[in-house]
Amino acid sequence: MKRLIMSLVVAVLCAGAALMPACAPPKTSLTVPLIYRPEERAEYQTALTNVPNLKLFVEVIDERPDKNKIGENIEEQTPKPILASTPEAAEFVRDAVVRELSGLGMAVVADKASANRVLTLHMIKFYCVETSVYDAEVRANAAVNDGGSQLWAGLVFGTKRNFGRSLSAVNYQEAFSGAVSKMVSQLVTSSDFQKAIAVK
């Protein structure tokens, strides 16, 4: 009799467990597709009003030691690595910079051979640390040349703090997008950069 009762209890428990949705295992990492989605309008729209005769080519060279890791979640004792899927970080930054500069009315060309100015960004940091907030920073050593000589060089960077639920790909995308946008803002408001891209 006892064996029968135990069998019935086990059968009921198993049936109830079968009806419950499976619990997802906790995330140990996150892979983020890099999509440009700035949250706010750029603050530098009037920084450059007219750059006649300019044909600018933009290139980004990734000089980070670890090109796969783009951040970490440190809300718990064991950090969770944040990895990039596609595009690669350098391509993401290049496309975003081209989009912002083109939006200012600057003539950005796809062919380096046809350019009269080349903007090279040697990217040294592309990283976001997540705690209760998302803190992203993008940093690069920038240089402008005319195909033969260097006209300007300087460090440019942008940071962005974002809020939202934990381990969210969208929140990482917004944080990186905001950081790149602010880096471009710092670049184009530099009087030395403006002089370097002036074509006589």
Protein backbone atom coordinates (compact mmCIF):
# COMPACT_ATOMS: atom_id res chain seq x y z
CA MET A 1 0.00 0.00 0.00
CA LYS A 2 2.74 2.42 0.94
CA ARG A 3 4.56 1.58 -2.25
CA LEU A 4 1.42 2.36 -4.27
CA ILE A 5 0.98 5.74 -2.53
CA MET A 6 4.61 6.63 -3.14
CA SER A 7 4.26 5.69 -6.79
CA LEU A 8 1.23 7.96 -7.15
CA VAL A 9 3.03 10.87 -5.46
CA VAL A 10 6.00 10.47 -7.74
CA ALA A 11 3.75 10.32 -10.78
CA VAL A 12 1.95 13.54 -9.78
CA LEU A 13 5.21 15.36 -9.12
CA CYS A 14 6.65 14.28 -12.45
CA ALA A 15 3.52 15.36 -14.29
CA GLY A 16 3.65 18.79 -12.62
CA ALA A 17 7.30 19.20 -13.47
CA ALA A 18 6.58 18.34 -17.10
CA LEU A 19 4.06 21.19 -17.30
CA MET A 20 6.49 23.78 -15.91
CA PRO A 21 8.65 25.73 -18.39
CA ALA A 22 12.27 24.76 -18.34
CA CYS A 23 14.46 27.13 -16.34
CA ALA A 24 17.10 28.75 -18.53
CA PRO A 25 20.64 28.34 -17.24
CA PRO A 26 22.28 31.57 -16.04
CA LYS A 27 24.29 33.42 -18.65
CA THR A 28 28.04 33.07 -18.35
CA SER A 29 28.79 35.48 -21.24
CA LEU A 30 27.03 37.63 -23.82
CA THR A 31 27.67 38.04 -27.54
CA VAL A 32 26.57 41.41 -28.90
CA PRO A 33 25.89 42.22 -32.57
CA LEU A 34 27.29 45.73 -33.05
CA ILE A 35 24.46 47.92 -34.34
CA TYR A 36 24.75 51.71 -34.35
CA ARG A 37 21.85 53.20 -32.42
CA PRO A 38 22.70 56.58 -30.84
CA GLU A 39 20.02 57.71 -28.41
CA GLU A 40 20.40 61.45 -28.88
CA ARG A 41 21.17 63.87 -31.67
CA ALA A 42 24.79 64.85 -31.98
CA GLU A 43 25.78 68.08 -30.26
CA TYR A 44 28.18 69.17 -33.00
CA GLN A 45 25.91 69.70 -36.00
CA THR A 46 27.08 73.28 -36.47
CA ALA A 47 30.76 72.58 -35.78
CA LEU A 48 31.56 72.31 -39.49
CA THR A 49 29.38 74.24 -41.85
CA ASN A 50 31.42 74.23 -45.04
CA VAL A 51 34.41 72.13 -46.12
CA PRO A 52 34.72 72.79 -49.88
CA ASN A 53 36.74 70.48 -52.14
CA LEU A 54 37.21 67.91 -49.37
CA LYS A 55 37.33 64.22 -50.29
CA LEU A 56 37.85 62.36 -47.03
CA PHE A 57 38.65 58.69 -46.60
CA VAL A 58 38.16 57.16 -43.15
CA GLU A 59 39.96 54.08 -41.88
CA VAL A 60 40.03 52.43 -38.47
CA ILE A 61 42.89 50.19 -37.36
CA ASP A 62 42.15 48.01 -34.34
CA GLU A 63 45.20 48.06 -32.07
CA ARG A 64 43.58 46.53 -28.99
CA PRO A 65 45.46 43.54 -27.53
CA ASP A 66 42.24 41.49 -27.27
CA LYS A 67 40.07 42.13 -30.32
CA ASN A 68 37.31 39.67 -29.34
CA LYS A 69 36.36 40.96 -25.90
CA ILE A 70 34.47 44.27 -25.79
CA GLY A 71 33.45 44.39 -22.14
CA GLU A 72 32.50 42.58 -18.99
CA ASN A 73 29.63 42.30 -16.54
CA ILE A 74 30.96 42.51 -12.98
CA GLU A 75 27.68 42.52 -11.06
CA GLU A 76 28.67 39.20 -9.48
CA GLN A 77 31.92 37.84 -8.09
CA THR A 78 32.73 36.03 -11.33
CA PRO A 79 32.93 38.51 -14.27
CA LYS A 80 30.99 37.63 -17.42
CA PRO A 81 32.84 38.46 -20.66
CA ILE A 82 31.08 40.46 -23.37
CA LEU A 83 32.02 39.50 -26.92
CA ALA A 84 31.28 41.06 -30.30
CA SER A 85 29.70 39.14 -33.15
CA THR A 86 29.42 41.03 -36.43
CA PRO A 87 30.56 43.46 -37.58
CA GLU A 88 33.96 43.68 -35.94
CA ALA A 89 34.53 46.63 -33.64
CA ALA A 90 36.77 48.48 -36.12
CA GLU A 91 34.18 48.20 -38.88
CA PHE A 92 31.43 49.33 -36.50
CA VAL A 93 33.42 52.43 -35.51
CA ARG A 94 34.34 53.25 -39.10
CA ASP A 95 30.75 52.98 -40.33
CA ALA A 96 29.51 55.12 -37.43
CA VAL A 97 32.16 57.81 -38.00
CA VAL A 98 31.42 57.90 -41.73
CA ARG A 99 27.71 58.23 -40.99
CA GLU A 100 28.24 61.12 -38.58
CA LEU A 101 30.72 63.00 -40.77
CA SER A 102 28.54 62.54 -43.84
CA GLY A 103 25.62 63.87 -41.82
CA LEU A 104 27.61 67.06 -41.31
CA GLY A 105 27.86 67.49 -45.07
CA MET A 106 31.45 66.33 -45.37
CA ALA A 107 32.31 64.46 -48.58
CA VAL A 108 33.43 61.02 -47.42
CA VAL A 109 34.69 58.78 -50.24
CA ALA A 110 34.87 54.99 -50.38
CA ASP A 111 38.06 54.87 -52.46
CA LYS A 112 41.27 55.86 -50.69
CA ALA A 113 42.99 56.61 -53.99
CA SER A 114 40.46 59.35 -54.80
CA ALA A 115 40.78 61.08 -51.41
CA ASN A 116 42.73 64.27 -50.74
CA ARG A 117 42.56 63.74 -46.98
CA VAL A 118 42.79 60.50 -45.00
CA LEU A 119 41.54 60.21 -41.43
CA THR A 120 43.11 57.24 -39.65
CA LEU A 121 41.83 56.15 -36.27
CA HIS A 122 44.17 53.81 -34.40
CA MET A 123 41.63 52.34 -31.99
CA ILE A 124 43.18 51.54 -28.62
CA LYS A 125 40.04 51.05 -26.53
CA PHE A 126 36.52 49.78 -27.21
CA TYR A 127 35.16 48.56 -23.90
CA CYS A 128 32.08 48.63 -21.70
CA VAL A 129 31.93 47.69 -18.02
CA GLU A 130 28.52 46.75 -16.66
CA THR A 131 27.71 47.07 -12.97
CA SER A 132 24.36 48.58 -12.08
CA VAL A 133 24.95 50.79 -15.14
CA TYR A 134 26.73 50.46 -18.48
CA ASP A 135 29.94 52.52 -18.84
CA ALA A 136 31.38 52.45 -22.36
CA GLU A 137 34.50 54.14 -23.68
CA VAL A 138 35.92 54.33 -27.21
CA ARG A 139 39.42 55.78 -27.58
CA ALA A 140 41.68 56.25 -30.61
CA ASN A 141 44.85 57.95 -31.73
CA ALA A 142 43.71 59.96 -34.73
CA ALA A 143 45.74 61.35 -37.60
CA VAL A 144 44.98 63.29 -40.80
CA ASN A 145 47.27 63.15 -43.82
CA ASP A 146 47.09 64.38 -47.38
CA GLY A 147 48.52 61.24 -48.91
CA GLY A 148 52.09 62.28 -48.35
CA SER A 149 52.53 64.10 -45.05
CA GLN A 150 50.78 64.11 -41.71
CA LEU A 151 48.82 67.30 -41.11
CA TRP A 152 47.47 66.62 -37.61
CA ALA A 153 47.46 63.98 -34.89
CA GLY A 154 45.71 63.76 -31.56
CA LEU A 155 43.92 61.55 -29.06
CA VAL A 156 40.13 61.39 -29.34
CA PHE A 157 37.70 59.54 -27.12
CA GLY A 158 34.08 59.34 -26.07
CA THR A 159 32.27 57.88 -23.08
CA LYS A 160 28.66 56.96 -22.50
CA ARG A 161 26.77 55.81 -19.40
CA ASN A 162 23.61 53.86 -20.03
CA PHE A 163 20.95 52.37 -17.79
CA GLY A 164 18.83 49.28 -18.27
CA ARG A 165 18.29 45.64 -17.46
CA SER A 166 21.25 43.36 -16.95
CA LEU A 167 23.13 41.68 -19.82
CA SER A 168 21.15 43.41 -22.55
CA ALA A 169 22.62 43.50 -26.06
CA VAL A 170 20.60 46.63 -26.86
CA ASN A 171 21.99 48.46 -23.84
CA TYR A 172 25.53 47.61 -24.93
CA GLN A 173 24.73 48.80 -28.46
CA GLU A 174 23.37 52.10 -27.16
CA ALA A 175 26.35 52.61 -24.85
CA PHE A 176 28.92 52.00 -27.59
CA SER A 177 26.94 54.12 -30.06
CA GLY A 178 26.83 57.04 -27.65
CA ALA A 179 30.55 56.74 -26.96
CA VAL A 180 31.42 56.80 -30.68
CA SER A 181 29.10 59.76 -31.25
CA LYS A 182 30.84 61.73 -28.49
CA MET A 183 34.24 60.79 -29.87
CA VAL A 184 33.25 62.25 -33.23
CA SER A 185 31.99 65.34 -31.45
CA GLN A 186 35.39 65.84 -29.84
CA LEU A 187 37.10 65.27 -33.19
CA VAL A 188 35.15 67.73 -35.32
CA THR A 189 35.13 70.50 -32.73
CA SER A 190 38.94 70.51 -32.67
CA SER A 191 40.22 73.60 -34.47
CA ASP A 192 43.40 71.73 -35.41
CA PHE A 193 41.39 68.95 -37.05
CA GLN A 194 39.35 71.53 -38.94
CA LYS A 195 42.54 73.15 -40.25
CA ALA A 196 43.93 69.76 -41.27
CA ILE A 197 40.92 68.87 -43.44
CA ALA A 198 40.72 72.30 -45.10
CA VAL A 199 41.55 71.88 -48.77
CA LYS A 200 42.73 75.01 -50.57
